[in-house]
N, C-alpha and C. Protein backbone atom coordinates (compact mmCIF):
# COMPACT_ATOMS: atom_id res chain seq x y z
N TRP A 1 7.38 14.03 12.14
CA TRP A 1 8.10 13.10 13.01
C TRP A 1 9.52 13.61 13.24
N LYS A 2 10.13 13.11 14.32
CA LYS A 2 11.43 13.64 14.74
C LYS A 2 12.60 12.68 14.56
N LYS A 3 12.33 11.38 14.75
CA LYS A 3 13.43 10.43 14.62
C LYS A 3 12.94 9.12 14.03
N LEU A 4 13.92 8.30 13.64
CA LEU A 4 13.62 7.00 13.05
C LEU A 4 14.03 5.89 14.01
N TYR A 5 13.17 4.89 14.13
CA TYR A 5 13.55 3.66 14.83
C TYR A 5 13.91 2.62 13.76
N PHE A 6 15.10 2.04 13.91
CA PHE A 6 15.50 0.99 12.99
C PHE A 6 15.50 -0.31 13.78
N ALA A 7 14.50 -1.15 13.51
CA ALA A 7 14.27 -2.33 14.36
C ALA A 7 14.81 -3.60 13.72
N HIS A 8 15.58 -4.34 14.51
CA HIS A 8 16.03 -5.68 14.14
C HIS A 8 15.26 -6.65 15.04
N HIS A 9 14.82 -7.75 14.47
CA HIS A 9 14.25 -8.76 15.37
C HIS A 9 14.99 -10.08 15.26
N TRP A 10 14.86 -10.87 16.33
CA TRP A 10 15.53 -12.16 16.39
C TRP A 10 14.53 -13.21 15.91
N PRO A 11 14.78 -13.78 14.72
CA PRO A 11 13.75 -14.64 14.10
C PRO A 11 13.27 -15.80 14.97
N VAL A 12 14.18 -16.38 15.76
CA VAL A 12 13.78 -17.52 16.61
C VAL A 12 12.70 -17.09 17.61
N THR A 13 12.86 -15.88 18.16
CA THR A 13 11.86 -15.39 19.12
C THR A 13 10.55 -15.04 18.41
N VAL A 14 10.67 -14.45 17.23
CA VAL A 14 9.47 -14.13 16.45
C VAL A 14 8.67 -15.41 16.20
N CYS A 15 9.37 -16.49 15.89
CA CYS A 15 8.68 -17.76 15.64
C CYS A 15 8.07 -18.33 16.91
N LYS A 16 8.75 -18.10 18.02
CA LYS A 16 8.22 -18.58 19.29
C LYS A 16 6.89 -17.86 19.60
N MET A 17 6.81 -16.60 19.18
CA MET A 17 5.59 -15.82 19.45
C MET A 17 4.44 -16.22 18.54
N ASN A 18 4.76 -16.67 17.34
CA ASN A 18 3.73 -16.95 16.35
C ASN A 18 4.01 -18.29 15.70
N ALA A 19 3.72 -19.36 16.40
CA ALA A 19 4.05 -20.66 15.81
C ALA A 19 3.08 -20.95 14.67
N ASN A 20 3.32 -20.37 13.51
CA ASN A 20 2.45 -20.74 12.39
C ASN A 20 3.27 -21.31 11.25
N ASP A 21 3.72 -20.45 10.35
CA ASP A 21 4.37 -20.93 9.16
C ASP A 21 5.88 -20.77 9.26
N CYS A 22 6.41 -20.76 10.49
CA CYS A 22 7.84 -20.53 10.67
C CYS A 22 8.60 -21.81 10.42
N HIS A 23 9.38 -21.84 9.36
CA HIS A 23 10.23 -23.01 9.17
C HIS A 23 11.66 -22.55 9.19
N ASP A 24 12.45 -23.13 10.10
CA ASP A 24 13.87 -22.91 10.02
C ASP A 24 14.24 -21.43 9.96
N PRO A 25 13.88 -20.64 11.00
CA PRO A 25 14.15 -19.19 10.94
C PRO A 25 15.66 -18.91 10.85
N PRO A 26 16.05 -17.80 10.22
CA PRO A 26 17.48 -17.45 10.13
C PRO A 26 18.07 -17.35 11.53
N LYS A 27 19.36 -17.71 11.65
CA LYS A 27 20.04 -17.65 12.94
C LYS A 27 20.87 -16.36 13.01
N TYR A 28 20.32 -15.29 12.48
CA TYR A 28 20.98 -13.98 12.59
C TYR A 28 19.87 -12.94 12.70
N TRP A 29 20.23 -11.77 13.24
CA TRP A 29 19.24 -10.70 13.40
C TRP A 29 18.84 -10.18 12.02
N THR A 30 17.54 -10.04 11.81
CA THR A 30 17.06 -9.51 10.52
C THR A 30 16.28 -8.22 10.75
N ILE A 31 16.01 -7.52 9.66
CA ILE A 31 15.32 -6.23 9.75
C ILE A 31 13.83 -6.44 10.01
N HIS A 32 13.30 -5.69 10.96
CA HIS A 32 11.85 -5.65 11.14
C HIS A 32 11.31 -4.42 10.39
N GLY A 33 11.95 -3.28 10.59
CA GLY A 33 11.50 -2.11 9.85
C GLY A 33 12.25 -0.85 10.21
N LEU A 34 11.98 0.20 9.43
CA LEU A 34 12.55 1.53 9.64
C LEU A 34 11.35 2.46 9.84
N TRP A 35 11.18 2.92 11.08
CA TRP A 35 9.92 3.55 11.47
C TRP A 35 10.09 4.97 11.96
N PRO A 36 9.50 5.94 11.28
CA PRO A 36 9.42 7.28 11.87
C PRO A 36 8.60 7.21 13.15
N ASP A 37 9.01 7.94 14.18
CA ASP A 37 8.18 7.98 15.38
C ASP A 37 6.95 8.84 15.07
N ARG A 38 5.86 8.52 15.71
CA ARG A 38 4.64 9.35 15.62
C ARG A 38 4.13 9.63 14.20
N ALA A 39 4.14 8.64 13.35
CA ALA A 39 3.49 8.82 12.04
C ALA A 39 3.22 7.44 11.46
N GLU A 40 2.01 7.26 10.95
CA GLU A 40 1.68 5.99 10.32
C GLU A 40 0.73 6.22 9.16
N ASP A 41 0.86 5.37 8.14
CA ASP A 41 -0.03 5.41 6.96
C ASP A 41 -0.19 6.82 6.42
N CYS A 42 0.92 7.42 5.99
CA CYS A 42 0.86 8.84 5.63
C CYS A 42 0.30 9.10 4.24
N ASN A 43 0.40 8.11 3.36
CA ASN A 43 -0.10 8.34 2.01
C ASN A 43 -0.70 7.07 1.47
N ARG A 44 -2.00 6.93 1.64
CA ARG A 44 -2.68 5.69 1.27
C ARG A 44 -2.76 5.48 -0.23
N THR A 45 -2.46 6.52 -1.00
CA THR A 45 -2.56 6.36 -2.46
C THR A 45 -1.22 5.92 -3.07
N TRP A 46 -0.17 5.87 -2.26
CA TRP A 46 1.15 5.52 -2.78
C TRP A 46 1.38 4.04 -2.55
N HIS A 47 0.99 3.24 -3.55
CA HIS A 47 0.96 1.79 -3.33
C HIS A 47 2.32 1.15 -3.51
N PHE A 48 2.53 0.10 -2.74
CA PHE A 48 3.77 -0.66 -2.84
C PHE A 48 3.86 -1.32 -4.22
N ASN A 49 5.03 -1.24 -4.83
CA ASN A 49 5.24 -1.86 -6.13
C ASN A 49 6.57 -2.59 -6.10
N VAL A 50 6.49 -3.91 -6.07
CA VAL A 50 7.69 -4.71 -5.85
C VAL A 50 8.72 -4.54 -6.98
N THR A 51 8.27 -4.14 -8.17
CA THR A 51 9.25 -4.01 -9.27
C THR A 51 10.23 -2.87 -8.99
N GLU A 52 9.83 -1.92 -8.15
CA GLU A 52 10.74 -0.81 -7.84
C GLU A 52 11.94 -1.25 -7.02
N ILE A 53 11.82 -2.39 -6.36
CA ILE A 53 12.95 -2.84 -5.53
C ILE A 53 13.54 -4.13 -6.08
N LYS A 54 13.30 -4.41 -7.37
CA LYS A 54 13.78 -5.70 -7.88
C LYS A 54 15.30 -5.85 -7.79
N ASP A 55 16.04 -4.74 -7.90
CA ASP A 55 17.51 -4.82 -7.78
C ASP A 55 17.94 -5.18 -6.36
N LEU A 56 17.06 -4.96 -5.39
CA LEU A 56 17.42 -5.19 -3.99
C LEU A 56 16.99 -6.58 -3.52
N MET A 57 16.35 -7.32 -4.42
CA MET A 57 15.64 -8.53 -4.03
C MET A 57 16.47 -9.54 -3.24
N SER A 58 17.70 -9.83 -3.69
CA SER A 58 18.42 -10.89 -2.99
C SER A 58 18.79 -10.43 -1.58
N ASP A 59 19.16 -9.14 -1.42
CA ASP A 59 19.43 -8.61 -0.08
C ASP A 59 18.17 -8.57 0.77
N MET A 60 17.06 -8.18 0.17
CA MET A 60 15.80 -8.13 0.92
C MET A 60 15.46 -9.51 1.47
N ARG A 61 15.59 -10.52 0.63
CA ARG A 61 15.23 -11.88 1.08
C ARG A 61 16.16 -12.37 2.17
N GLN A 62 17.42 -11.93 2.11
CA GLN A 62 18.37 -12.39 3.11
C GLN A 62 18.27 -11.63 4.42
N TYR A 63 18.18 -10.29 4.33
CA TYR A 63 18.29 -9.46 5.53
C TYR A 63 16.95 -8.92 6.04
N TRP A 64 15.93 -8.96 5.19
CA TRP A 64 14.62 -8.43 5.60
C TRP A 64 13.54 -9.45 5.23
N PRO A 65 13.75 -10.73 5.64
CA PRO A 65 12.78 -11.74 5.22
C PRO A 65 11.49 -11.64 6.02
N ASP A 66 10.44 -12.17 5.46
CA ASP A 66 9.19 -12.34 6.20
C ASP A 66 9.36 -13.61 7.02
N VAL A 67 9.79 -13.44 8.26
CA VAL A 67 10.15 -14.59 9.09
C VAL A 67 8.97 -15.54 9.28
N LEU A 68 7.78 -14.97 9.35
CA LEU A 68 6.61 -15.80 9.67
C LEU A 68 6.08 -16.59 8.48
N HIS A 69 6.42 -16.16 7.29
CA HIS A 69 5.90 -16.85 6.10
C HIS A 69 7.09 -17.15 5.20
N SER A 70 7.40 -18.43 5.07
CA SER A 70 8.69 -18.72 4.47
C SER A 70 8.70 -18.70 2.95
N SER A 71 7.54 -18.54 2.29
CA SER A 71 7.62 -18.58 0.83
C SER A 71 8.34 -17.33 0.32
N LEU A 72 9.30 -17.55 -0.56
CA LEU A 72 10.21 -16.47 -0.96
C LEU A 72 9.58 -15.40 -1.82
N ASN A 73 8.54 -15.76 -2.57
CA ASN A 73 7.97 -14.73 -3.45
C ASN A 73 6.87 -13.93 -2.77
N ARG A 74 6.78 -14.06 -1.46
CA ARG A 74 5.75 -13.34 -0.73
C ARG A 74 6.25 -11.94 -0.39
N THR A 75 5.48 -10.92 -0.71
CA THR A 75 5.95 -9.55 -0.49
C THR A 75 5.06 -8.79 0.49
N GLN A 76 4.15 -9.52 1.13
CA GLN A 76 3.16 -8.91 2.03
C GLN A 76 3.79 -8.08 3.15
N PHE A 77 4.86 -8.62 3.74
CA PHE A 77 5.53 -7.98 4.87
C PHE A 77 6.11 -6.63 4.42
N TRP A 78 6.77 -6.61 3.26
CA TRP A 78 7.36 -5.37 2.78
C TRP A 78 6.29 -4.36 2.42
N LYS A 79 5.21 -4.84 1.84
CA LYS A 79 4.09 -3.96 1.50
C LYS A 79 3.56 -3.29 2.77
N HIS A 80 3.39 -4.08 3.82
CA HIS A 80 2.91 -3.54 5.10
C HIS A 80 3.86 -2.47 5.62
N GLU A 81 5.16 -2.77 5.59
CA GLU A 81 6.15 -1.81 6.12
C GLU A 81 6.15 -0.53 5.29
N TRP A 82 6.02 -0.65 3.98
CA TRP A 82 5.99 0.54 3.12
C TRP A 82 4.73 1.37 3.39
N ASP A 83 3.56 0.69 3.39
CA ASP A 83 2.29 1.41 3.56
C ASP A 83 2.26 2.15 4.89
N LYS A 84 2.68 1.46 5.95
CA LYS A 84 2.53 2.02 7.28
C LYS A 84 3.65 3.01 7.62
N HIS A 85 4.89 2.69 7.25
CA HIS A 85 6.04 3.48 7.70
C HIS A 85 6.78 4.19 6.56
N GLY A 86 6.94 3.50 5.43
CA GLY A 86 7.71 4.07 4.33
C GLY A 86 7.08 5.33 3.77
N THR A 87 5.76 5.33 3.68
CA THR A 87 5.08 6.51 3.12
C THR A 87 5.27 7.72 4.02
N CYS A 88 5.58 7.49 5.28
CA CYS A 88 5.83 8.61 6.21
C CYS A 88 7.29 9.04 6.17
N ALA A 89 8.17 8.06 6.07
CA ALA A 89 9.61 8.34 6.03
C ALA A 89 9.95 9.13 4.75
N ALA A 90 9.11 9.01 3.76
CA ALA A 90 9.39 9.58 2.43
C ALA A 90 9.41 11.11 2.41
N THR A 91 9.07 11.76 3.53
CA THR A 91 9.24 13.22 3.56
C THR A 91 10.73 13.58 3.56
N LEU A 92 11.60 12.63 3.87
CA LEU A 92 13.05 12.87 3.77
C LEU A 92 13.51 12.55 2.36
N GLU A 93 14.33 13.41 1.81
CA GLU A 93 14.77 13.19 0.44
C GLU A 93 15.51 11.86 0.27
N VAL A 94 16.31 11.48 1.26
CA VAL A 94 17.06 10.22 1.11
C VAL A 94 16.18 8.97 1.19
N LEU A 95 14.91 9.16 1.56
CA LEU A 95 14.00 8.01 1.67
C LEU A 95 12.75 8.19 0.81
N ASN A 96 12.82 9.08 -0.18
CA ASN A 96 11.56 9.48 -0.84
C ASN A 96 11.14 8.64 -2.03
N SER A 97 11.59 7.40 -2.09
CA SER A 97 11.03 6.44 -3.05
C SER A 97 11.14 5.06 -2.42
N GLN A 98 10.44 4.11 -3.00
CA GLN A 98 10.50 2.77 -2.41
C GLN A 98 11.92 2.22 -2.50
N LYS A 99 12.56 2.46 -3.61
CA LYS A 99 13.92 1.94 -3.76
C LYS A 99 14.87 2.59 -2.74
N LYS A 100 14.70 3.90 -2.53
CA LYS A 100 15.56 4.59 -1.55
C LYS A 100 15.27 4.12 -0.13
N TYR A 101 14.00 3.98 0.19
CA TYR A 101 13.61 3.60 1.55
C TYR A 101 14.16 2.21 1.91
N PHE A 102 13.88 1.23 1.06
CA PHE A 102 14.35 -0.12 1.37
C PHE A 102 15.87 -0.22 1.21
N GLY A 103 16.41 0.47 0.22
CA GLY A 103 17.85 0.45 -0.01
C GLY A 103 18.61 1.06 1.16
N LYS A 104 18.10 2.17 1.68
CA LYS A 104 18.77 2.84 2.81
C LYS A 104 18.69 1.97 4.06
N ALA A 105 17.57 1.31 4.26
CA ALA A 105 17.46 0.41 5.42
C ALA A 105 18.49 -0.73 5.32
N LEU A 106 18.67 -1.27 4.12
CA LEU A 106 19.66 -2.33 3.94
C LEU A 106 21.07 -1.80 4.21
N GLU A 107 21.31 -0.55 3.79
CA GLU A 107 22.61 0.09 4.04
C GLU A 107 22.85 0.26 5.55
N LEU A 108 21.82 0.74 6.24
CA LEU A 108 21.94 0.93 7.69
C LEU A 108 22.19 -0.41 8.39
N TYR A 109 21.56 -1.44 7.87
CA TYR A 109 21.73 -2.78 8.44
C TYR A 109 23.21 -3.19 8.40
N GLN A 110 23.84 -2.96 7.25
CA GLN A 110 25.26 -3.31 7.11
C GLN A 110 26.12 -2.42 8.01
N HIS A 111 25.73 -1.16 8.10
CA HIS A 111 26.48 -0.18 8.87
C HIS A 111 26.42 -0.48 10.38
N VAL A 112 25.23 -0.81 10.85
CA VAL A 112 25.05 -1.11 12.28
C VAL A 112 25.71 -2.45 12.64
N ASP A 113 25.59 -3.41 11.75
CA ASP A 113 26.21 -4.74 11.94
C ASP A 113 25.98 -5.29 13.35
N LEU A 114 24.73 -5.40 13.72
CA LEU A 114 24.37 -5.89 15.05
C LEU A 114 24.89 -7.31 15.29
N ASN A 115 24.78 -8.16 14.28
CA ASN A 115 25.24 -9.54 14.44
C ASN A 115 26.72 -9.58 14.80
N GLY A 116 27.52 -8.80 14.07
CA GLY A 116 28.96 -8.77 14.31
C GLY A 116 29.29 -8.21 15.68
N CYS A 117 28.57 -7.17 16.06
CA CYS A 117 28.84 -6.52 17.35
C CYS A 117 28.57 -7.48 18.51
N LEU A 118 27.46 -8.17 18.47
CA LEU A 118 27.13 -9.10 19.57
C LEU A 118 28.15 -10.24 19.64
N LEU A 119 28.55 -10.74 18.47
CA LEU A 119 29.54 -11.81 18.46
C LEU A 119 30.87 -11.35 19.05
N LYS A 120 31.28 -10.13 18.66
CA LYS A 120 32.54 -9.59 19.20
C LYS A 120 32.48 -9.48 20.71
N ALA A 121 31.30 -9.19 21.23
CA ALA A 121 31.14 -9.05 22.68
C ALA A 121 30.96 -10.41 23.36
N GLY A 122 30.99 -11.48 22.55
CA GLY A 122 30.83 -12.82 23.13
C GLY A 122 29.39 -13.16 23.49
N ILE A 123 28.45 -12.40 22.92
CA ILE A 123 27.04 -12.67 23.20
C ILE A 123 26.46 -13.42 22.01
N LYS A 124 26.20 -14.70 22.21
CA LYS A 124 25.64 -15.48 21.12
C LYS A 124 24.53 -16.39 21.63
N PRO A 125 23.70 -16.86 20.71
CA PRO A 125 22.58 -17.69 21.15
C PRO A 125 23.09 -18.86 22.00
N SER A 126 22.37 -19.15 23.06
CA SER A 126 22.87 -20.11 24.03
C SER A 126 21.71 -20.66 24.84
N SER A 127 21.95 -21.80 25.49
CA SER A 127 20.88 -22.33 26.34
C SER A 127 21.03 -21.81 27.76
N SER A 128 22.13 -21.09 28.04
CA SER A 128 22.23 -20.47 29.37
C SER A 128 21.77 -19.02 29.28
N TYR A 129 21.60 -18.39 30.42
CA TYR A 129 21.00 -17.06 30.44
C TYR A 129 22.06 -15.95 30.42
N TYR A 130 21.66 -14.81 29.96
CA TYR A 130 22.49 -13.61 30.03
C TYR A 130 21.86 -12.62 31.01
N LYS A 131 22.69 -11.71 31.49
CA LYS A 131 22.16 -10.56 32.23
C LYS A 131 21.82 -9.48 31.21
N MET A 132 20.65 -8.90 31.33
CA MET A 132 20.26 -7.83 30.41
C MET A 132 21.24 -6.66 30.48
N THR A 133 21.73 -6.37 31.68
CA THR A 133 22.66 -5.25 31.82
C THR A 133 23.93 -5.50 31.01
N ALA A 134 24.36 -6.76 30.92
CA ALA A 134 25.57 -7.09 30.16
C ALA A 134 25.34 -6.87 28.66
N ILE A 135 24.17 -7.25 28.19
CA ILE A 135 23.84 -7.04 26.77
C ILE A 135 23.79 -5.55 26.47
N LYS A 136 23.13 -4.81 27.35
CA LYS A 136 23.02 -3.36 27.16
C LYS A 136 24.39 -2.69 27.15
N GLU A 137 25.23 -3.07 28.11
CA GLU A 137 26.55 -2.45 28.19
C GLU A 137 27.37 -2.74 26.95
N ALA A 138 27.27 -3.97 26.45
CA ALA A 138 28.02 -4.32 25.24
C ALA A 138 27.58 -3.44 24.07
N LEU A 139 26.27 -3.29 23.90
CA LEU A 139 25.76 -2.50 22.78
C LEU A 139 26.12 -1.03 22.94
N THR A 140 25.95 -0.52 24.16
CA THR A 140 26.21 0.90 24.39
C THR A 140 27.69 1.22 24.19
N SER A 141 28.57 0.32 24.65
CA SER A 141 29.99 0.63 24.49
C SER A 141 30.39 0.54 23.01
N PHE A 142 29.73 -0.33 22.27
CA PHE A 142 30.06 -0.50 20.85
C PHE A 142 29.55 0.67 20.00
N TYR A 143 28.31 1.08 20.27
CA TYR A 143 27.68 2.09 19.40
C TYR A 143 27.76 3.51 19.96
N GLY A 144 28.02 3.62 21.25
CA GLY A 144 28.06 4.95 21.86
C GLY A 144 26.68 5.53 22.11
N VAL A 145 25.65 4.74 21.87
CA VAL A 145 24.27 5.18 22.15
C VAL A 145 23.53 4.01 22.79
N THR A 146 22.40 4.32 23.40
CA THR A 146 21.59 3.27 24.03
C THR A 146 20.46 2.87 23.10
N PRO A 147 20.45 1.63 22.63
CA PRO A 147 19.31 1.16 21.84
C PRO A 147 18.14 0.79 22.75
N LYS A 148 17.01 0.49 22.14
CA LYS A 148 15.84 0.03 22.89
C LYS A 148 15.76 -1.48 22.69
N ILE A 149 15.76 -2.21 23.78
CA ILE A 149 15.77 -3.67 23.69
C ILE A 149 14.44 -4.21 24.20
N GLN A 150 13.83 -5.07 23.39
CA GLN A 150 12.52 -5.60 23.78
C GLN A 150 12.57 -7.11 23.94
N CYS A 151 11.79 -7.58 24.89
CA CYS A 151 11.79 -9.00 25.22
C CYS A 151 10.37 -9.54 25.27
N LEU A 152 10.30 -10.84 25.18
CA LEU A 152 9.07 -11.56 25.47
C LEU A 152 9.11 -11.86 26.96
N PRO A 153 8.12 -11.42 27.72
CA PRO A 153 8.15 -11.65 29.17
C PRO A 153 8.12 -13.15 29.47
N PRO A 154 8.53 -13.53 30.67
CA PRO A 154 8.53 -14.97 31.01
C PRO A 154 7.13 -15.55 30.88
N GLU A 155 7.07 -16.76 30.37
CA GLU A 155 5.79 -17.46 30.37
C GLU A 155 5.56 -17.98 31.78
N GLU A 156 4.35 -18.43 32.02
CA GLU A 156 4.03 -18.94 33.36
C GLU A 156 5.00 -20.06 33.71
N GLY A 157 5.58 -19.96 34.88
CA GLY A 157 6.51 -21.00 35.31
C GLY A 157 7.95 -20.79 34.81
N GLU A 158 8.15 -19.83 33.92
CA GLU A 158 9.52 -19.53 33.48
C GLU A 158 10.06 -18.40 34.33
N LYS A 159 11.39 -18.34 34.46
CA LYS A 159 11.93 -17.21 35.21
C LYS A 159 12.63 -16.21 34.29
N ALA A 160 12.86 -16.60 33.04
CA ALA A 160 13.64 -15.74 32.15
C ALA A 160 12.78 -15.09 31.08
N GLN A 161 13.16 -13.89 30.70
CA GLN A 161 12.57 -13.24 29.53
C GLN A 161 13.37 -13.67 28.29
N THR A 162 12.78 -13.49 27.11
CA THR A 162 13.45 -13.90 25.87
C THR A 162 13.68 -12.67 25.01
N ILE A 163 14.93 -12.43 24.62
CA ILE A 163 15.22 -11.25 23.80
C ILE A 163 14.56 -11.40 22.43
N GLY A 164 13.95 -10.32 21.95
CA GLY A 164 13.21 -10.43 20.69
C GLY A 164 13.49 -9.34 19.69
N GLN A 165 13.77 -8.13 20.16
CA GLN A 165 13.92 -7.01 19.22
C GLN A 165 14.91 -5.99 19.77
N ILE A 166 15.72 -5.44 18.88
CA ILE A 166 16.64 -4.37 19.26
C ILE A 166 16.45 -3.23 18.28
N GLU A 167 16.13 -2.05 18.81
CA GLU A 167 15.87 -0.89 17.95
C GLU A 167 16.96 0.16 18.16
N PHE A 168 17.48 0.66 17.04
CA PHE A 168 18.42 1.77 17.08
C PHE A 168 17.70 3.02 16.61
N CYS A 169 18.02 4.15 17.23
CA CYS A 169 17.37 5.39 16.85
C CYS A 169 18.32 6.26 16.02
N PHE A 170 17.76 6.89 15.01
CA PHE A 170 18.51 7.76 14.12
C PHE A 170 17.83 9.12 14.00
N THR A 171 18.64 10.16 13.86
CA THR A 171 18.09 11.48 13.56
C THR A 171 17.67 11.51 12.09
N LYS A 172 17.05 12.61 11.69
CA LYS A 172 16.68 12.77 10.28
C LYS A 172 17.91 12.85 9.38
N GLU A 173 19.06 13.15 9.99
CA GLU A 173 20.32 13.16 9.21
C GLU A 173 20.96 11.77 9.22
N LEU A 174 20.22 10.79 9.77
CA LEU A 174 20.68 9.41 9.86
C LEU A 174 21.94 9.26 10.71
N GLN A 175 21.99 10.03 11.79
CA GLN A 175 23.03 9.86 12.81
C GLN A 175 22.43 9.07 13.98
N LEU A 176 23.20 8.14 14.51
CA LEU A 176 22.73 7.37 15.67
C LEU A 176 22.50 8.29 16.87
N ILE A 177 21.40 8.09 17.57
CA ILE A 177 21.15 8.81 18.83
C ILE A 177 20.58 7.82 19.84
N ASN A 178 20.55 8.23 21.10
CA ASN A 178 19.96 7.37 22.13
C ASN A 178 18.48 7.17 21.87
N CYS A 179 18.01 5.95 22.10
CA CYS A 179 16.56 5.71 22.13
C CYS A 179 16.15 5.95 23.57
N MET A 180 15.24 6.86 23.80
CA MET A 180 14.85 7.15 25.17
C MET A 180 13.95 6.03 25.70
N VAL A 181 14.33 5.51 26.86
CA VAL A 181 13.46 4.53 27.52
C VAL A 181 12.44 5.33 28.33
N PRO A 182 11.19 4.84 28.43
CA PRO A 182 10.17 5.59 29.18
C PRO A 182 10.68 6.02 30.55
N LYS A 183 10.22 7.14 31.02
CA LYS A 183 10.64 7.67 32.34
C LYS A 183 10.51 6.58 33.40
N GLY A 184 11.48 6.58 34.30
CA GLY A 184 11.42 5.57 35.35
C GLY A 184 12.22 4.34 34.97
N GLY A 185 13.16 4.47 34.05
CA GLY A 185 14.05 3.36 33.72
C GLY A 185 13.32 2.23 33.05
N SER A 186 13.68 1.01 33.41
CA SER A 186 13.03 -0.13 32.75
C SER A 186 11.61 -0.20 33.27
N SER A 187 10.69 -0.06 32.36
CA SER A 187 9.28 0.08 32.76
C SER A 187 8.84 -1.16 33.53
N PRO A 188 8.08 -0.96 34.59
CA PRO A 188 7.54 -2.12 35.31
C PRO A 188 6.65 -2.90 34.34
N MET A 189 6.38 -4.12 34.66
CA MET A 189 5.59 -4.95 33.75
C MET A 189 4.29 -4.23 33.39
N GLN A 190 4.19 -3.86 32.12
CA GLN A 190 3.00 -3.08 31.75
C GLN A 190 1.74 -3.94 31.75
N ALA A 191 0.62 -3.25 31.79
CA ALA A 191 -0.65 -3.96 31.87
C ALA A 191 -0.92 -4.80 30.63
N HIS A 192 -0.34 -4.40 29.46
CA HIS A 192 -0.74 -5.12 28.25
C HIS A 192 -0.11 -6.51 28.12
N LEU A 193 0.70 -6.91 29.12
CA LEU A 193 1.34 -8.21 29.00
C LEU A 193 0.44 -9.31 29.56
N LYS A 194 -0.65 -9.54 28.89
CA LYS A 194 -1.53 -10.60 29.36
C LYS A 194 -0.94 -11.92 28.89
N LEU A 195 -0.96 -12.91 29.76
CA LEU A 195 -0.46 -14.22 29.35
C LEU A 195 -1.31 -14.74 28.21
N GLY A 196 -0.66 -15.45 27.32
CA GLY A 196 -1.45 -16.00 26.22
C GLY A 196 -1.40 -15.11 25.00
N THR A 197 -1.38 -13.78 25.17
CA THR A 197 -1.20 -12.94 23.99
C THR A 197 0.26 -12.50 24.02
N GLU A 198 1.04 -13.12 23.16
CA GLU A 198 2.48 -12.88 23.17
C GLU A 198 2.75 -11.47 22.66
N GLU A 199 3.43 -10.68 23.46
CA GLU A 199 3.75 -9.33 23.00
C GLU A 199 5.09 -8.90 23.57
N LEU A 200 5.87 -8.20 22.75
CA LEU A 200 7.16 -7.73 23.23
C LEU A 200 6.98 -6.46 24.04
N SER A 201 7.83 -6.29 25.06
CA SER A 201 7.86 -5.02 25.77
C SER A 201 9.30 -4.75 26.18
N VAL A 202 9.56 -3.54 26.64
CA VAL A 202 10.93 -3.18 27.03
C VAL A 202 11.43 -4.19 28.05
N CYS A 203 12.65 -4.70 27.83
CA CYS A 203 13.18 -5.76 28.70
C CYS A 203 13.34 -5.27 30.12
N ASN A 204 13.20 -6.21 31.03
CA ASN A 204 13.38 -5.94 32.45
C ASN A 204 14.85 -6.16 32.80
N ASP A 205 15.50 -5.14 33.35
CA ASP A 205 16.93 -5.22 33.64
C ASP A 205 17.29 -6.30 34.65
N THR A 206 16.34 -6.70 35.47
CA THR A 206 16.68 -7.61 36.57
C THR A 206 16.42 -9.08 36.24
N LEU A 207 15.70 -9.37 35.17
CA LEU A 207 15.38 -10.77 34.87
C LEU A 207 16.49 -11.42 34.05
N PRO A 208 16.77 -12.71 34.31
CA PRO A 208 17.69 -13.42 33.42
C PRO A 208 17.12 -13.40 32.00
N THR A 209 17.99 -13.38 31.02
CA THR A 209 17.56 -13.19 29.64
C THR A 209 18.03 -14.35 28.76
N TYR A 210 17.08 -14.87 28.02
CA TYR A 210 17.32 -16.01 27.16
C TYR A 210 17.52 -15.49 25.74
N TYR A 211 18.55 -16.00 25.07
CA TYR A 211 18.83 -15.63 23.66
C TYR A 211 18.84 -16.96 22.91
N PRO A 212 17.66 -17.42 22.48
CA PRO A 212 17.51 -18.82 22.07
C PRO A 212 18.11 -19.11 20.70
N SER A 213 18.66 -20.31 20.55
CA SER A 213 19.24 -20.68 19.26
C SER A 213 18.26 -21.45 18.40
N GLU A 214 17.20 -21.98 19.01
CA GLU A 214 16.17 -22.60 18.19
C GLU A 214 14.81 -22.46 18.84
N VAL A 215 13.79 -22.62 18.03
CA VAL A 215 12.43 -22.45 18.53
C VAL A 215 12.12 -23.63 19.44
N GLN A 216 11.69 -23.31 20.65
CA GLN A 216 11.38 -24.40 21.60
C GLN A 216 10.01 -24.98 21.31
């Protein structure tokens, strides 16, 4: 693999997509995962062991919670992220153990400080709409790179998309780089956006954008 995607998701939108066990989602961006591009499930024999990250537990629960399942002692989400992505990221020395992988992601989270950056730019959850270009410009001017922003497309009868995920790209040396958007700029509505199956896709630059403060 060549680069890492560091994904933050907006818990309110995650809950909107999966109305199951979501109670009172955090009102701040949380970690979704740290993903090498083009590699998954690299070592099926390297099993997740929660005791290896016990020192990180309070930070994990705060910044990398399982938004969909609110019970605190549930580790399923982290196990999934380790099995699918962590075992691949571990070819890098700085990520070559569970403690290093999760610890480094928590460090990057503090370093990127997405919550602080958006607030400084005056972009906060609201019932009015934002322009996607304004959100992009704020992030790009702050970080000097272009992140990948994903939205939930408008539901039937809605005119606005809902912001759901922001991914930052890093080199193997953990330097921020641009996340390349597919050729042709903001991708036209892809075929996989069937109504009823909620799925995030690259945000549309021309649609009004909702940044919800609570699950509707």
